[in-house]
Amino acid sequence: MSKAKKKPNSSGTIALNKRARHDYFVDQKFEAGVALTGWEVKSLREGKAQLVDSYVIIHQNEAYLIGARITPLMSASTHVVCEPTRQRKLLLNRRELDRIIQTIEQKGKTCAAMALYWKGNKVKCEIALVTGKKDHDKRDTAKERDWARDKERLMKSKV
């Protein structure tokens, strides 16, 4: 009997940070490379990543991804010490990094990781400059989403 292989994700997406879309207004997006070790790449191929509480910090003019969790595989990481939530360096152009630093220094702005995905054989991280939502903004977004869903149902039922 052969084992059924897990289908690779057709879109190339490894992990999404859905919480960030709920908590923040997205202003501007960037694509950054991620510096990874071998066991992390193997785990990402299996889809074992979470971006729930992840964010980006700037330290000595370099960007780092904090709080992203990559769960180690038992078979791939027997001989190395794995740290699932270590800081991972983000690879950005100097111009992009300067724009991010300048924007983060403004009041109320931060940088959040939105998604991890494959681009060819490289792992990319979509980061975004974001502004926090207030509670009433979150309620308004939920109302708009519900109304759009109801509107779609009404249009479907009339046809």
N, C-alpha and C. Protein backbone atom coordinates (compact mmCIF):
# COMPACT_ATOMS: atom_id res chain seq x y z
N MET A 1 0.83 -1.18 0.00
CA MET A 1 0.00 0.00 0.00
C MET A 1 0.88 1.25 0.00
N SER A 2 0.65 2.17 -0.89
CA SER A 2 1.47 3.37 -0.97
C SER A 2 0.81 4.51 -0.20
N LYS A 3 1.65 5.35 0.35
CA LYS A 3 1.14 6.51 1.08
C LYS A 3 0.75 7.59 0.08
N ALA A 4 -0.34 8.26 0.35
CA ALA A 4 -0.76 9.38 -0.50
C ALA A 4 0.08 10.58 -0.13
N LYS A 5 0.72 11.18 -1.11
CA LYS A 5 1.54 12.36 -0.85
C LYS A 5 0.64 13.58 -0.68
N LYS A 6 1.08 14.47 0.19
CA LYS A 6 0.35 15.72 0.39
C LYS A 6 0.55 16.61 -0.82
N LYS A 7 -0.54 17.13 -1.37
CA LYS A 7 -0.44 18.00 -2.53
C LYS A 7 0.23 19.31 -2.16
N PRO A 8 1.17 19.77 -2.96
CA PRO A 8 1.75 21.08 -2.67
C PRO A 8 0.72 22.17 -2.95
N ASN A 9 0.80 23.23 -2.20
CA ASN A 9 -0.12 24.35 -2.36
C ASN A 9 0.11 24.99 -3.72
N SER A 10 -0.92 25.04 -4.55
CA SER A 10 -0.77 25.52 -5.92
C SER A 10 -0.40 27.00 -6.00
N SER A 11 -0.81 27.79 -5.02
CA SER A 11 -0.52 29.21 -5.07
C SER A 11 0.88 29.53 -4.56
N GLY A 12 1.51 28.59 -3.89
CA GLY A 12 2.84 28.83 -3.34
C GLY A 12 2.83 29.45 -1.96
N THR A 13 1.66 29.66 -1.40
CA THR A 13 1.56 30.28 -0.08
C THR A 13 1.88 29.25 1.00
N ILE A 14 2.76 29.64 1.91
CA ILE A 14 3.13 28.76 3.03
C ILE A 14 2.28 29.09 4.25
N ALA A 15 2.21 30.39 4.60
CA ALA A 15 1.45 30.81 5.78
C ALA A 15 0.93 32.22 5.58
N LEU A 16 -0.26 32.48 6.10
CA LEU A 16 -0.87 33.81 6.05
C LEU A 16 -1.08 34.32 7.47
N ASN A 17 -1.01 35.63 7.63
CA ASN A 17 -1.29 36.26 8.90
C ASN A 17 -2.65 36.94 8.79
N LYS A 18 -3.71 36.16 8.99
CA LYS A 18 -5.07 36.69 8.87
C LYS A 18 -5.39 37.68 9.99
N ARG A 19 -4.76 37.48 11.12
CA ARG A 19 -4.98 38.37 12.26
C ARG A 19 -4.54 39.80 11.96
N ALA A 20 -3.47 39.94 11.17
CA ALA A 20 -2.97 41.28 10.85
C ALA A 20 -3.99 42.05 10.01
N ARG A 21 -4.65 41.39 9.09
CA ARG A 21 -5.67 42.07 8.28
C ARG A 21 -6.85 42.52 9.14
N HIS A 22 -7.11 41.77 10.22
CA HIS A 22 -8.20 42.13 11.11
C HIS A 22 -7.81 43.29 12.03
N ASP A 23 -6.56 43.34 12.45
CA ASP A 23 -6.13 44.32 13.44
C ASP A 23 -5.56 45.61 12.87
N TYR A 24 -5.20 45.62 11.58
CA TYR A 24 -4.51 46.77 11.01
C TYR A 24 -5.09 47.20 9.67
N PHE A 25 -4.90 48.49 9.35
CA PHE A 25 -5.12 48.99 8.00
C PHE A 25 -3.79 48.85 7.27
N VAL A 26 -3.78 48.21 6.11
CA VAL A 26 -2.55 48.01 5.35
C VAL A 26 -2.31 49.22 4.46
N ASP A 27 -1.14 49.86 4.63
CA ASP A 27 -0.80 51.05 3.86
C ASP A 27 0.05 50.71 2.63
N GLN A 28 1.13 49.99 2.83
CA GLN A 28 2.06 49.72 1.74
C GLN A 28 2.70 48.36 1.96
N LYS A 29 2.88 47.59 0.86
CA LYS A 29 3.44 46.24 0.97
C LYS A 29 4.83 46.17 0.34
N PHE A 30 5.65 45.27 0.88
CA PHE A 30 6.99 45.02 0.35
C PHE A 30 7.21 43.51 0.29
N GLU A 31 8.09 43.09 -0.60
CA GLU A 31 8.49 41.69 -0.68
C GLU A 31 9.93 41.58 -0.21
N ALA A 32 10.15 40.72 0.78
CA ALA A 32 11.49 40.56 1.35
C ALA A 32 11.90 39.10 1.32
N GLY A 33 13.17 38.86 1.06
CA GLY A 33 13.71 37.52 1.18
C GLY A 33 13.91 37.20 2.65
N VAL A 34 14.03 35.92 2.98
CA VAL A 34 14.21 35.51 4.37
C VAL A 34 15.46 34.64 4.45
N ALA A 35 16.36 34.96 5.39
CA ALA A 35 17.56 34.16 5.62
C ALA A 35 17.19 32.98 6.52
N LEU A 36 17.27 31.76 5.98
CA LEU A 36 16.84 30.56 6.69
C LEU A 36 17.97 29.53 6.77
N THR A 37 17.81 28.60 7.71
CA THR A 37 18.73 27.47 7.78
C THR A 37 18.10 26.28 7.07
N GLY A 38 18.85 25.20 6.92
CA GLY A 38 18.38 24.04 6.16
C GLY A 38 17.14 23.38 6.73
N TRP A 39 17.11 23.17 8.06
CA TRP A 39 15.95 22.51 8.64
C TRP A 39 14.69 23.36 8.51
N GLU A 40 14.85 24.70 8.49
CA GLU A 40 13.69 25.58 8.35
C GLU A 40 13.08 25.46 6.96
N VAL A 41 13.92 25.34 5.95
CA VAL A 41 13.42 25.20 4.59
C VAL A 41 12.66 23.89 4.44
N LYS A 42 13.18 22.82 5.03
CA LYS A 42 12.50 21.52 4.96
C LYS A 42 11.14 21.59 5.65
N SER A 43 11.07 22.27 6.79
CA SER A 43 9.80 22.42 7.50
C SER A 43 8.82 23.26 6.70
N LEU A 44 9.32 24.30 6.03
CA LEU A 44 8.44 25.15 5.22
C LEU A 44 7.88 24.38 4.03
N ARG A 45 8.67 23.47 3.47
CA ARG A 45 8.16 22.64 2.36
C ARG A 45 6.99 21.78 2.81
N GLU A 46 6.97 21.42 4.09
CA GLU A 46 5.87 20.66 4.66
C GLU A 46 4.73 21.56 5.15
N GLY A 47 4.92 22.88 5.07
CA GLY A 47 3.88 23.83 5.47
C GLY A 47 3.77 24.04 6.96
N LYS A 48 4.84 23.86 7.71
CA LYS A 48 4.80 23.96 9.16
C LYS A 48 5.27 25.34 9.62
N ALA A 49 4.50 26.37 9.32
CA ALA A 49 4.85 27.74 9.71
C ALA A 49 3.61 28.48 10.19
N GLN A 50 3.81 29.41 11.12
CA GLN A 50 2.74 30.25 11.63
C GLN A 50 3.24 31.69 11.73
N LEU A 51 2.40 32.63 11.33
CA LEU A 51 2.76 34.05 11.40
C LEU A 51 1.83 34.84 12.31
N VAL A 52 1.13 34.17 13.21
CA VAL A 52 0.06 34.81 13.97
C VAL A 52 0.52 36.04 14.73
N ASP A 53 1.55 35.94 15.55
CA ASP A 53 1.99 37.08 16.36
C ASP A 53 3.31 37.65 15.86
N SER A 54 3.55 37.58 14.58
CA SER A 54 4.85 38.02 14.06
C SER A 54 4.82 39.49 13.66
N TYR A 55 5.98 40.11 13.76
CA TYR A 55 6.14 41.51 13.38
C TYR A 55 7.58 41.72 12.93
N VAL A 56 7.86 42.91 12.43
CA VAL A 56 9.19 43.22 11.91
C VAL A 56 9.79 44.34 12.75
N ILE A 57 11.05 44.16 13.16
CA ILE A 57 11.76 45.23 13.86
C ILE A 57 12.96 45.64 13.01
N ILE A 58 13.41 46.86 13.25
CA ILE A 58 14.61 47.37 12.60
C ILE A 58 15.68 47.51 13.67
N HIS A 59 16.83 46.85 13.45
CA HIS A 59 17.93 46.91 14.40
C HIS A 59 19.22 47.13 13.61
N GLN A 60 19.91 48.22 13.89
CA GLN A 60 21.15 48.60 13.20
C GLN A 60 20.96 48.60 11.67
N ASN A 61 19.91 49.25 11.23
CA ASN A 61 19.57 49.40 9.81
C ASN A 61 19.39 48.07 9.08
N GLU A 62 18.93 47.05 9.79
CA GLU A 62 18.58 45.76 9.19
C GLU A 62 17.22 45.35 9.73
N ALA A 63 16.44 44.67 8.90
CA ALA A 63 15.10 44.24 9.28
C ALA A 63 15.14 42.78 9.75
N TYR A 64 14.40 42.49 10.83
CA TYR A 64 14.33 41.14 11.37
C TYR A 64 12.88 40.75 11.59
N LEU A 65 12.56 39.50 11.28
CA LEU A 65 11.23 38.95 11.50
C LEU A 65 11.22 38.31 12.89
N ILE A 66 10.32 38.77 13.74
CA ILE A 66 10.21 38.31 15.12
C ILE A 66 8.87 37.60 15.31
N GLY A 67 8.88 36.50 16.03
CA GLY A 67 7.63 35.84 16.40
C GLY A 67 7.10 34.86 15.38
N ALA A 68 7.74 34.70 14.24
CA ALA A 68 7.29 33.71 13.26
C ALA A 68 7.72 32.34 13.77
N ARG A 69 6.81 31.39 13.75
CA ARG A 69 7.10 30.06 14.29
C ARG A 69 7.20 29.06 13.14
N ILE A 70 8.37 28.41 13.05
CA ILE A 70 8.59 27.33 12.10
C ILE A 70 8.85 26.08 12.93
N THR A 71 7.90 25.15 12.89
CA THR A 71 7.99 23.94 13.69
C THR A 71 8.97 22.97 13.04
N PRO A 72 9.97 22.49 13.80
CA PRO A 72 10.95 21.58 13.21
C PRO A 72 10.36 20.20 12.94
N LEU A 73 10.83 19.57 11.87
CA LEU A 73 10.45 18.20 11.57
C LEU A 73 11.32 17.26 12.40
N MET A 74 10.75 16.19 12.89
CA MET A 74 11.51 15.25 13.70
C MET A 74 12.60 14.56 12.87
N SER A 75 12.33 14.27 11.63
CA SER A 75 13.30 13.54 10.80
C SER A 75 14.43 14.44 10.30
N ALA A 76 14.16 15.72 10.11
CA ALA A 76 15.16 16.61 9.51
C ALA A 76 16.03 17.31 10.54
N SER A 77 15.61 17.33 11.79
CA SER A 77 16.33 18.14 12.77
C SER A 77 16.81 17.33 13.97
N THR A 78 17.29 16.12 13.73
CA THR A 78 17.75 15.29 14.84
C THR A 78 19.15 15.66 15.30
N HIS A 79 19.97 16.22 14.43
CA HIS A 79 21.37 16.49 14.74
C HIS A 79 21.68 17.96 15.00
N VAL A 80 20.68 18.83 14.94
CA VAL A 80 20.89 20.26 15.18
C VAL A 80 19.95 20.73 16.28
N VAL A 81 20.33 21.80 16.95
CA VAL A 81 19.47 22.40 17.96
C VAL A 81 18.56 23.40 17.25
N CYS A 82 17.26 23.16 17.33
CA CYS A 82 16.29 23.99 16.61
C CYS A 82 15.65 25.00 17.56
N GLU A 83 15.54 26.20 17.07
CA GLU A 83 14.84 27.24 17.81
C GLU A 83 13.69 27.72 16.93
N PRO A 84 12.46 27.28 17.20
CA PRO A 84 11.33 27.55 16.30
C PRO A 84 10.99 29.03 16.12
N THR A 85 11.26 29.88 17.13
CA THR A 85 10.86 31.28 17.04
C THR A 85 12.05 32.23 17.02
N ARG A 86 13.15 31.83 16.43
CA ARG A 86 14.33 32.69 16.42
C ARG A 86 14.11 33.90 15.51
N GLN A 87 14.96 34.92 15.68
CA GLN A 87 14.91 36.10 14.80
C GLN A 87 15.45 35.68 13.43
N ARG A 88 14.74 36.06 12.38
CA ARG A 88 15.19 35.75 11.03
C ARG A 88 15.41 37.06 10.27
N LYS A 89 16.55 37.17 9.65
CA LYS A 89 16.89 38.40 8.93
C LYS A 89 16.08 38.48 7.64
N LEU A 90 15.55 39.68 7.38
CA LEU A 90 14.83 39.94 6.13
C LEU A 90 15.76 40.65 5.16
N LEU A 91 15.73 40.24 3.92
CA LEU A 91 16.62 40.78 2.91
C LEU A 91 15.86 41.78 2.05
N LEU A 92 16.21 43.05 2.20
CA LEU A 92 15.55 44.15 1.48
C LEU A 92 16.58 45.04 0.82
N ASN A 93 16.15 45.76 -0.21
CA ASN A 93 17.01 46.78 -0.82
C ASN A 93 17.17 47.94 0.15
N ARG A 94 18.26 48.65 0.06
CA ARG A 94 18.52 49.80 0.93
C ARG A 94 17.42 50.84 0.80
N ARG A 95 16.95 51.08 -0.42
CA ARG A 95 15.90 52.09 -0.66
C ARG A 95 14.60 51.68 0.06
N GLU A 96 14.25 50.39 -0.03
CA GLU A 96 13.04 49.91 0.65
C GLU A 96 13.20 50.00 2.17
N LEU A 97 14.36 49.63 2.64
CA LEU A 97 14.63 49.66 4.07
C LEU A 97 14.57 51.09 4.62
N ASP A 98 15.12 52.05 3.86
CA ASP A 98 15.06 53.46 4.28
C ASP A 98 13.62 53.95 4.34
N ARG A 99 12.79 53.55 3.36
CA ARG A 99 11.39 53.96 3.35
C ARG A 99 10.65 53.37 4.55
N ILE A 100 10.94 52.12 4.89
CA ILE A 100 10.30 51.48 6.03
C ILE A 100 10.71 52.17 7.33
N ILE A 101 12.00 52.44 7.48
CA ILE A 101 12.50 53.10 8.70
C ILE A 101 11.86 54.47 8.86
N GLN A 102 11.79 55.22 7.77
CA GLN A 102 11.21 56.57 7.81
C GLN A 102 9.73 56.50 8.20
N THR A 103 8.99 55.52 7.69
CA THR A 103 7.57 55.42 7.97
C THR A 103 7.30 54.93 9.39
N ILE A 104 8.11 54.00 9.87
CA ILE A 104 7.92 53.47 11.22
C ILE A 104 8.14 54.54 12.28
N GLU A 105 9.02 55.49 11.99
CA GLU A 105 9.28 56.56 12.96
C GLU A 105 8.08 57.47 13.14
N GLN A 106 7.13 57.46 12.20
CA GLN A 106 5.91 58.24 12.36
C GLN A 106 5.05 57.61 13.45
N LYS A 107 4.25 58.42 14.10
CA LYS A 107 3.41 57.93 15.18
C LYS A 107 2.29 57.03 14.63
N GLY A 108 2.10 55.89 15.27
CA GLY A 108 0.99 55.01 14.91
C GLY A 108 1.27 54.03 13.79
N LYS A 109 2.46 54.02 13.26
CA LYS A 109 2.79 53.10 12.17
C LYS A 109 3.67 51.97 12.69
N THR A 110 3.51 50.79 12.11
CA THR A 110 4.36 49.66 12.42
C THR A 110 4.51 48.79 11.18
N CYS A 111 5.31 47.77 11.28
CA CYS A 111 5.57 46.88 10.15
C CYS A 111 5.21 45.47 10.58
N ALA A 112 4.34 44.80 9.82
CA ALA A 112 3.87 43.46 10.17
C ALA A 112 4.13 42.50 9.02
N ALA A 113 4.36 41.25 9.36
CA ALA A 113 4.52 40.20 8.36
C ALA A 113 3.12 39.73 7.95
N MET A 114 2.85 39.72 6.66
CA MET A 114 1.52 39.35 6.17
C MET A 114 1.46 37.92 5.64
N ALA A 115 2.52 37.46 4.98
CA ALA A 115 2.49 36.13 4.37
C ALA A 115 3.90 35.61 4.14
N LEU A 116 4.02 34.30 4.11
CA LEU A 116 5.23 33.61 3.67
C LEU A 116 4.84 32.80 2.44
N TYR A 117 5.65 32.86 1.39
CA TYR A 117 5.31 32.12 0.18
C TYR A 117 6.57 31.77 -0.60
N TRP A 118 6.41 30.85 -1.53
CA TRP A 118 7.50 30.43 -2.41
C TRP A 118 7.49 31.28 -3.66
N LYS A 119 8.65 31.71 -4.09
CA LYS A 119 8.82 32.39 -5.37
C LYS A 119 9.99 31.68 -6.05
N GLY A 120 9.65 30.75 -6.94
CA GLY A 120 10.66 29.86 -7.47
C GLY A 120 11.08 28.92 -6.36
N ASN A 121 12.37 28.85 -6.08
CA ASN A 121 12.82 28.01 -4.96
C ASN A 121 13.23 28.85 -3.75
N LYS A 122 12.87 30.12 -3.74
CA LYS A 122 13.19 31.03 -2.64
C LYS A 122 11.95 31.27 -1.79
N VAL A 123 12.18 31.48 -0.49
CA VAL A 123 11.08 31.82 0.41
C VAL A 123 11.04 33.34 0.54
N LYS A 124 9.88 33.91 0.30
CA LYS A 124 9.69 35.35 0.41
C LYS A 124 8.69 35.64 1.52
N CYS A 125 8.84 36.81 2.12
CA CYS A 125 7.93 37.26 3.16
C CYS A 125 7.31 38.58 2.70
N GLU A 126 5.99 38.63 2.68
CA GLU A 126 5.32 39.88 2.35
C GLU A 126 5.14 40.65 3.65
N ILE A 127 5.78 41.80 3.72
CA ILE A 127 5.64 42.65 4.89
C ILE A 127 4.89 43.90 4.48
N ALA A 128 4.23 44.52 5.45
CA ALA A 128 3.42 45.69 5.14
C ALA A 128 3.58 46.74 6.22
N LEU A 129 3.54 47.98 5.80
CA LEU A 129 3.46 49.10 6.73
C LEU A 129 1.99 49.25 7.09
N VAL A 130 1.69 49.22 8.38
CA VAL A 130 0.30 49.17 8.81
C VAL A 130 0.03 50.20 9.90
N THR A 131 -1.27 50.52 10.04
CA THR A 131 -1.76 51.39 11.09
C THR A 131 -2.80 50.61 11.88
N GLY A 132 -2.77 50.69 13.18
CA GLY A 132 -3.70 49.93 14.02
C GLY A 132 -5.14 50.39 13.86
N LYS A 133 -6.07 49.42 13.94
CA LYS A 133 -7.50 49.73 13.89
C LYS A 133 -8.03 49.87 15.31
N LYS A 134 -8.99 50.74 15.45
CA LYS A 134 -9.72 50.86 16.71
C LYS A 134 -10.85 49.84 16.70
N ASP A 135 -11.51 49.63 17.85
CA ASP A 135 -12.59 48.66 17.92
C ASP A 135 -13.74 48.99 16.99
N HIS A 136 -14.08 50.28 16.88
CA HIS A 136 -15.20 50.65 16.01
C HIS A 136 -14.85 50.42 14.54
N ASP A 137 -13.58 50.56 14.18
CA ASP A 137 -13.16 50.27 12.80
C ASP A 137 -13.32 48.78 12.49
N LYS A 138 -13.00 47.93 13.46
CA LYS A 138 -13.15 46.49 13.27
C LYS A 138 -14.62 46.12 13.09
N ARG A 139 -15.50 46.77 13.86
CA ARG A 139 -16.93 46.50 13.73
C ARG A 139 -17.45 46.95 12.38
N ASP A 140 -16.98 48.11 11.92
CA ASP A 140 -17.40 48.60 10.60
C ASP A 140 -16.97 47.65 9.49
N THR A 141 -15.75 47.13 9.59
CA THR A 141 -15.26 46.19 8.59
C THR A 141 -16.12 44.93 8.59
N ALA A 142 -16.48 44.44 9.76
CA ALA A 142 -17.32 43.24 9.84
C ALA A 142 -18.70 43.50 9.25
N LYS A 143 -19.27 44.68 9.50
CA LYS A 143 -20.58 45.02 8.93
C LYS A 143 -20.53 45.09 7.41
N GLU A 144 -19.48 45.70 6.89
CA GLU A 144 -19.34 45.80 5.42
C GLU A 144 -19.19 44.41 4.79
N ARG A 145 -18.44 43.54 5.44
CA ARG A 145 -18.24 42.19 4.92
C ARG A 145 -19.57 41.42 4.94
N ASP A 146 -20.33 41.55 6.04
CA ASP A 146 -21.62 40.87 6.13
C ASP A 146 -22.59 41.40 5.09
N TRP A 147 -22.61 42.71 4.88
CA TRP A 147 -23.51 43.30 3.90
C TRP A 147 -23.14 42.84 2.49
N ALA A 148 -21.86 42.77 2.18
CA ALA A 148 -21.43 42.30 0.86
C ALA A 148 -21.86 40.86 0.64
N ARG A 149 -21.77 40.03 1.67
CA ARG A 149 -22.19 38.62 1.57
C ARG A 149 -23.70 38.54 1.36
N ASP A 150 -24.48 39.34 2.12
CA ASP A 150 -25.94 39.34 1.96
C ASP A 150 -26.35 39.84 0.59
N LYS A 151 -25.66 40.87 0.11
CA LYS A 151 -25.95 41.42 -1.21
C LYS A 151 -25.72 40.36 -2.29
N GLU A 152 -24.64 39.60 -2.15
CA GLU A 152 -24.33 38.53 -3.11
C GLU A 152 -25.41 37.46 -3.10
N ARG A 153 -25.90 37.11 -1.91
CA ARG A 153 -26.97 36.11 -1.80
C ARG A 153 -28.24 36.61 -2.46
N LEU A 154 -28.57 37.88 -2.25
CA LEU A 154 -29.78 38.45 -2.85
C LEU A 154 -29.69 38.43 -4.37
N MET A 155 -28.53 38.81 -4.88
CA MET A 155 -28.36 38.85 -6.34
C MET A 155 -28.43 37.44 -6.92
N LYS A 156 -27.92 36.46 -6.20
CA LYS A 156 -27.92 35.08 -6.66
C LYS A 156 -29.34 34.52 -6.68
N SER A 157 -30.13 34.86 -5.66
CA SER A 157 -31.48 34.32 -5.55
C SER A 157 -32.42 34.93 -6.59
N LYS A 158 -32.13 36.14 -7.05
CA LYS A 158 -32.99 36.79 -8.05
C LYS A 158 -32.76 36.24 -9.46
N VAL A 159 -31.59 35.66 -9.69
CA VAL A 159 -31.27 35.14 -11.03
C VAL A 159 -31.83 33.79 -11.25
